[in-house]
C-alpha atoms as a PDB file:
ATOM      1  CA  MET A   1       7.746  37.979 -41.081  1.00  0.00           C
ATOM      2  CA  ILE A   2      10.347  37.151 -38.421  1.00  0.00           C
ATOM      3  CA  PRO A   3      10.092  33.657 -36.849  1.00  0.00           C
ATOM      4  CA  ASP A   4       9.061  33.434 -33.153  1.00  0.00           C
ATOM      5  CA  ARG A   5      12.377  31.968 -32.062  1.00  0.00           C
ATOM      6  CA  ILE A   6      14.218  35.097 -33.232  1.00  0.00           C
ATOM      7  CA  ASN A   7      11.636  37.682 -32.239  1.00  0.00           C
ATOM      8  CA  PRO A   8       9.326  35.931 -29.789  1.00  0.00           C
ATOM      9  CA  SER A   9       5.796  37.088 -29.161  1.00  0.00           C
ATOM     10  CA  PRO A  10       5.034  38.119 -25.576  1.00  0.00           C
ATOM     11  CA  ARG A  11       3.283  34.750 -25.046  1.00  0.00           C
ATOM     12  CA  ALA A  12       6.238  32.769 -26.427  1.00  0.00           C
ATOM     13  CA  TYR A  13       8.615  34.924 -24.382  1.00  0.00           C
ATOM     14  CA  SER A  14       6.793  34.195 -21.133  1.00  0.00           C
ATOM     15  CA  ARG A  15       6.498  30.501 -22.028  1.00  0.00           C
ATOM     16  CA  ASN A  16      10.256  30.330 -22.636  1.00  0.00           C
ATOM     17  CA  ARG A  17      10.980  32.096 -19.331  1.00  0.00           C
ATOM     18  CA  LEU A  18       8.788  29.763 -17.243  1.00  0.00           C
ATOM     19  CA  PRO A  19      11.536  27.121 -16.834  1.00  0.00           C
ATOM     20  CA  LEU A  20      13.930  29.868 -15.658  1.00  0.00           C
ATOM     21  CA  PHE A  21      11.326  31.082 -13.171  1.00  0.00           C
ATOM     22  CA  LEU A  22      10.860  27.528 -11.843  1.00  0.00           C
ATOM     23  CA  LEU A  23      14.613  27.006 -11.697  1.00  0.00           C
ATOM     24  CA  GLY A  24      14.939  30.243  -9.724  1.00  0.00           C
ATOM     25  CA  GLY A  25      12.279  29.024  -7.292  1.00  0.00           C
ATOM     26  CA  LEU A  26      14.123  25.732  -6.870  1.00  0.00           C
ATOM     27  CA  PHE A  27      17.370  27.614  -6.226  1.00  0.00           C
ATOM     28  CA  LEU A  28      15.697  29.740  -3.540  1.00  0.00           C
ATOM     29  CA  SER A  29      14.250  26.604  -1.930  1.00  0.00           C
ATOM     30  CA  ILE A  30      17.704  25.034  -1.798  1.00  0.00           C
ATOM     31  CA  LEU A  31      19.134  28.198  -0.271  1.00  0.00           C
ATOM     32  CA  THR A  32      16.424  28.098   2.373  1.00  0.00           C
ATOM     33  CA  LEU A  33      17.210  24.470   3.201  1.00  0.00           C
ATOM     34  CA  THR A  34      20.926  25.123   3.413  1.00  0.00           C
ATOM     35  CA  SER A  35      20.543  28.243   5.529  1.00  0.00           C
ATOM     36  CA  CYS A  36      19.655  26.234   8.632  1.00  0.00           C
ATOM     37  CA  SER A  37      21.828  27.085  11.582  1.00  0.00           C
ATOM     38  CA  SER A  38      25.305  25.673  11.136  1.00  0.00           C
ATOM     39  CA  LYS A  39      25.186  24.316  14.689  1.00  0.00           C
ATOM     40  CA  SER A  40      22.068  22.276  13.860  1.00  0.00           C
ATOM     41  CA  MET A  41      23.593  21.030  10.593  1.00  0.00           C
ATOM     42  CA  ALA A  42      26.859  20.116  12.310  1.00  0.00           C
ATOM     43  CA  GLY A  43      24.909  18.123  14.907  1.00  0.00           C
ATOM     44  CA  SER A  44      22.952  16.317  12.181  1.00  0.00           C
ATOM     45  CA  ASN A  45      26.115  15.593  10.203  1.00  0.00           C
ATOM     46  CA  ALA A  46      27.788  14.164  13.298  1.00  0.00           C
ATOM     47  CA  ALA A  47      24.762  11.986  14.122  1.00  0.00           C
ATOM     48  CA  VAL A  48      24.541  10.716  10.537  1.00  0.00           C
ATOM     49  CA  ARG A  49      28.285   9.999  10.449  1.00  0.00           C
ATOM     50  CA  GLU A  50      27.957   8.072  13.716  1.00  0.00           C
ATOM     51  CA  VAL A  51      25.248   5.786  12.260  1.00  0.00           C
ATOM     52  CA  VAL A  52      27.305   5.020   9.144  1.00  0.00           C
ATOM     53  CA  LEU A  53      30.431   4.289  11.184  1.00  0.00           C
ATOM     54  CA  LYS A  54      28.346   2.113  13.542  1.00  0.00           C
ATOM     55  CA  HIS A  55      27.056   0.240  10.467  1.00  0.00           C
ATOM     56  CA  VAL A  56      30.604  -0.663   9.427  1.00  0.00           C
ATOM     57  CA  GLU A  57      31.474  -1.540  13.030  1.00  0.00           C
ATOM     58  CA  GLN A  58      28.523  -3.963  13.182  1.00  0.00           C
ATOM     59  CA  ILE A  59      29.472  -5.456   9.788  1.00  0.00           C
ATOM     60  CA  ASN A  60      32.988  -6.140  11.068  1.00  0.00           C
ATOM     61  CA  ALA A  61      31.621  -7.556  14.346  1.00  0.00           C
ATOM     62  CA  GLY A  62      29.454  -9.974  12.361  1.00  0.00           C
ATOM     63  CA  SER A  63      26.399  -8.804  14.278  1.00  0.00           C
ATOM     64  CA  PRO A  64      23.220  -9.276  12.222  1.00  0.00           C
ATOM     65  CA  GLN A  65      21.012  -7.823  14.968  1.00  0.00           C
ATOM     66  CA  GLY A  66      23.363  -4.874  15.445  1.00  0.00           C
ATOM     67  CA  ILE A  67      23.088  -4.144  11.726  1.00  0.00           C
ATOM     68  CA  LEU A  68      19.303  -4.541  11.648  1.00  0.00           C
ATOM     69  CA  ASP A  69      18.883  -2.125  14.562  1.00  0.00           C
ATOM     70  CA  LEU A  70      20.350   0.611  12.341  1.00  0.00           C
ATOM     71  CA  PHE A  71      17.748   0.163   9.561  1.00  0.00           C
ATOM     72  CA  THR A  72      14.186   1.424   9.152  1.00  0.00           C
ATOM     73  CA  ASP A  73      11.440  -1.211   8.880  1.00  0.00           C
ATOM     74  CA  ASP A  74      10.964  -0.430   5.169  1.00  0.00           C
ATOM     75  CA  ALA A  75      14.683  -0.217   4.358  1.00  0.00           C
ATOM     76  CA  VAL A  76      16.101  -1.378   1.027  1.00  0.00           C
ATOM     77  CA  VAL A  77      19.568  -2.897   0.598  1.00  0.00           C
ATOM     78  CA  MET A  78      21.074  -3.175  -2.876  1.00  0.00           C
ATOM     79  CA  ALA A  79      24.247  -5.242  -2.741  1.00  0.00           C
ATOM     80  CA  PRO A  80      26.318  -6.425  -5.694  1.00  0.00           C
ATOM     81  CA  TYR A  81      25.376  -9.664  -7.426  1.00  0.00           C
ATOM     82  CA  ALA A  82      22.077  -9.955  -5.530  1.00  0.00           C
ATOM     83  CA  PRO A  83      18.497  -8.782  -5.883  1.00  0.00           C
ATOM     84  CA  ALA A  84      17.351  -5.811  -3.818  1.00  0.00           C
ATOM     85  CA  ARG A  85      16.356  -6.738  -0.265  1.00  0.00           C
ATOM     86  CA  VAL A  86      13.183  -4.812   0.558  1.00  0.00           C
ATOM     87  CA  GLY A  87      12.070  -4.574   4.181  1.00  0.00           C
ATOM     88  CA  LYS A  88      13.741  -5.539   7.404  1.00  0.00           C
ATOM     89  CA  GLU A  89      12.713  -9.201   7.223  1.00  0.00           C
ATOM     90  CA  ALA A  90      14.297  -9.657   3.779  1.00  0.00           C
ATOM     91  CA  ILE A  91      17.408  -7.899   5.032  1.00  0.00           C
ATOM     92  CA  ARG A  92      17.442 -10.118   8.159  1.00  0.00           C
ATOM     93  CA  ALA A  93      17.414 -13.294   6.036  1.00  0.00           C
ATOM     94  CA  SER A  94      20.177 -12.026   3.758  1.00  0.00           C
ATOM     95  CA  VAL A  95      22.398 -10.746   6.558  1.00  0.00           C
ATOM     96  CA  GLY A  96      22.026 -13.956   8.577  1.00  0.00           C
ATOM     97  CA  ASP A  97      22.989 -16.106   5.592  1.00  0.00           C
ATOM     98  CA  THR A  98      25.930 -13.864   4.717  1.00  0.00           C
ATOM     99  CA  TYR A  99      27.387 -13.861   8.238  1.00  0.00           C
ATOM    100  CA  ASN A 100      27.148 -17.631   8.456  1.00  0.00           C
ATOM    101  CA  ARG A 101      29.606 -17.820   5.550  1.00  0.00           C
ATOM    102  CA  ILE A 102      31.711 -14.653   5.454  1.00  0.00           C
ATOM    103  CA  ARG A 103      33.791 -12.619   7.894  1.00  0.00           C
ATOM    104  CA  PHE A 104      34.336  -8.939   7.092  1.00  0.00           C
ATOM    105  CA  ASP A 105      37.170  -6.582   7.952  1.00  0.00           C
ATOM    106  CA  MET A 106      36.072  -3.350   6.287  1.00  0.00           C
ATOM    107  CA  SER A 107      37.053   0.291   6.582  1.00  0.00           C
ATOM    108  CA  ILE A 108      35.141   3.273   5.275  1.00  0.00           C
ATOM    109  CA  ASN A 109      36.151   6.716   4.113  1.00  0.00           C
ATOM    110  CA  ILE A 110      33.170   9.060   4.179  1.00  0.00           C
ATOM    111  CA  ALA A 111      33.547  11.438   1.251  1.00  0.00           C
ATOM    112  CA  GLU A 112      30.336  13.431   1.528  1.00  0.00           C
ATOM    113  CA  ILE A 113      27.409  14.006   3.876  1.00  0.00           C
ATOM    114  CA  ILE A 114      24.394  16.043   2.834  1.00  0.00           C
ATOM    115  CA  VAL A 115      21.505  16.656   5.220  1.00  0.00           C
ATOM    116  CA  ALA A 116      18.223  18.103   3.957  1.00  0.00           C
ATOM    117  CA  GLY A 117      15.513  18.167   6.582  1.00  0.00           C
ATOM    118  CA  ASP A 118      14.750  14.648   7.790  1.00  0.00           C
ATOM    119  CA  TRP A 119      16.803  12.965   5.054  1.00  0.00           C
ATOM    120  CA  ALA A 120      20.553  12.524   4.760  1.00  0.00           C
ATOM    121  CA  PHE A 121      22.780  11.185   2.016  1.00  0.00           C
ATOM    122  CA  VAL A 122      26.250   9.728   2.632  1.00  0.00           C
ATOM    123  CA  ARG A 123      28.709   8.826  -0.140  1.00  0.00           C
ATOM    124  CA  SER A 124      31.739   6.791   0.813  1.00  0.00           C
ATOM    125  CA  ASP A 125      34.573   4.567  -0.336  1.00  0.00           C
ATOM    126  CA  VAL A 126      34.911   1.139   1.253  1.00  0.00           C
ATOM    127  CA  THR A 127      37.952  -1.134   1.440  1.00  0.00           C
ATOM    128  CA  GLY A 128      38.404  -4.413   3.179  1.00  0.00           C
ATOM    129  CA  THR A 129      38.869  -8.135   3.285  1.00  0.00           C
ATOM    130  CA  LEU A 130      36.093 -10.696   2.944  1.00  0.00           C
ATOM    131  CA  SER A 131      37.034 -14.124   4.284  1.00  0.00           C
ATOM    132  CA  HIS A 132      35.115 -17.359   3.773  1.00  0.00           C
ATOM    133  CA  LYS A 133      34.635 -18.907   7.214  1.00  0.00           C
ATOM    134  CA  VAL A 134      34.907 -22.533   6.060  1.00  0.00           C
ATOM    135  CA  THR A 135      37.675 -22.431   3.452  1.00  0.00           C
ATOM    136  CA  GLY A 136      39.610 -19.479   4.822  1.00  0.00           C
ATOM    137  CA  ASP A 137      39.860 -18.012   1.314  1.00  0.00           C
ATOM    138  CA  SER A 138      39.817 -14.243   1.305  1.00  0.00           C
ATOM    139  CA  ILE A 139      39.707 -11.381  -1.156  1.00  0.00           C
ATOM    140  CA  LEU A 140      40.552  -7.731  -0.898  1.00  0.00           C
ATOM    141  CA  ASP A 141      37.626  -5.659  -2.092  1.00  0.00           C
ATOM    142  CA  VAL A 142      37.445  -1.974  -2.912  1.00  0.00           C
ATOM    143  CA  GLY A 143      34.088  -0.375  -3.534  1.00  0.00           C
ATOM    144  CA  LYS A 144      31.708   2.507  -3.098  1.00  0.00           C
ATOM    145  CA  ALA A 145      28.630   2.895  -0.910  1.00  0.00           C
ATOM    146  CA  ILE A 146      25.622   5.167  -0.644  1.00  0.00           C
ATOM    147  CA  HIS A 147      23.582   5.445   2.542  1.00  0.00           C
ATOM    148  CA  PHE A 148      20.272   7.304   2.659  1.00  0.00           C
ATOM    149  CA  LEU A 149      19.211   7.916   6.235  1.00  0.00           C
ATOM    150  CA  HIS A 150      15.855   9.091   7.542  1.00  0.00           C
ATOM    151  CA  ARG A 151      15.386  10.888  10.845  1.00  0.00           C
ATOM    152  CA  GLN A 152      12.786   9.032  12.899  1.00  0.00           C
ATOM    153  CA  SER A 153      10.041  10.625  15.006  1.00  0.00           C
ATOM    154  CA  ASP A 154      12.256  10.175  18.086  1.00  0.00           C
ATOM    155  CA  GLY A 155      15.030  12.201  16.396  1.00  0.00           C
ATOM    156  CA  LYS A 156      17.317   9.229  15.748  1.00  0.00           C
ATOM    157  CA  TRP A 157      18.745   8.602  12.292  1.00  0.00           C
ATOM    158  CA  LYS A 158      18.256   5.191  10.665  1.00  0.00           C
ATOM    159  CA  ILE A 159      19.378   3.774   7.343  1.00  0.00           C
ATOM    160  CA  ALA A 160      16.485   3.735   4.868  1.00  0.00           C
ATOM    161  CA  ARG A 161      18.405   2.827   1.695  1.00  0.00           C
ATOM    162  CA  TYR A 162      21.851   1.308   1.325  1.00  0.00           C
ATOM    163  CA  MET A 163      23.601   0.576  -1.936  1.00  0.00           C
ATOM    164  CA  LEU A 164      27.109  -0.699  -2.411  1.00  0.00           C
ATOM    165  CA  ASN A 165      29.164  -1.951  -5.285  1.00  0.00           C
ATOM    166  CA  SER A 166      32.583  -3.348  -5.930  1.00  0.00           C
ATOM    167  CA  SER A 167      35.306  -1.710  -7.989  1.00  0.00           C
ATOM    168  CA  THR A 168      37.308  -4.944  -7.893  1.00  0.00           C
ATOM    169  CA  PRO A 169      37.075  -6.827 -11.199  1.00  0.00           C
ATOM    170  CA  LEU A 170      35.696 -10.364 -11.018  1.00  0.00           C
END
């Protein structure tokens, strides 16, 4: 008798093809999402880019409220060497404390923007100087950032998740 894996029974054959069928369905779903009008996608990409650039602008301005205005109420921030900040109030406390001590001069290079419906993903490289306000000590930092944005009911994009890390060795 020939083993099933060499000469599969019809049941084994259909069971083995199920993942391919599901993968095909996923592929078609992705094609449907990406086939939105290019004008609509370009508008979304531009709006998402604007929020991320505004985020860096507000960081450099040292404006806690300006930063908070860009986040959803249930946002999560995951910064290096710190626990995750969940919710706007936790982010408010962290941002206020940080800006009392540190001045930022950051620049961002957006490497990728992907928009899928009401969600957007932005991958970027970040470079800049962090200066201690009291001592004047500063460091050059190079890192990476991920922004996940969610389109609100009013059509505006807000940051729902933000993660950054440093490539600079300690």
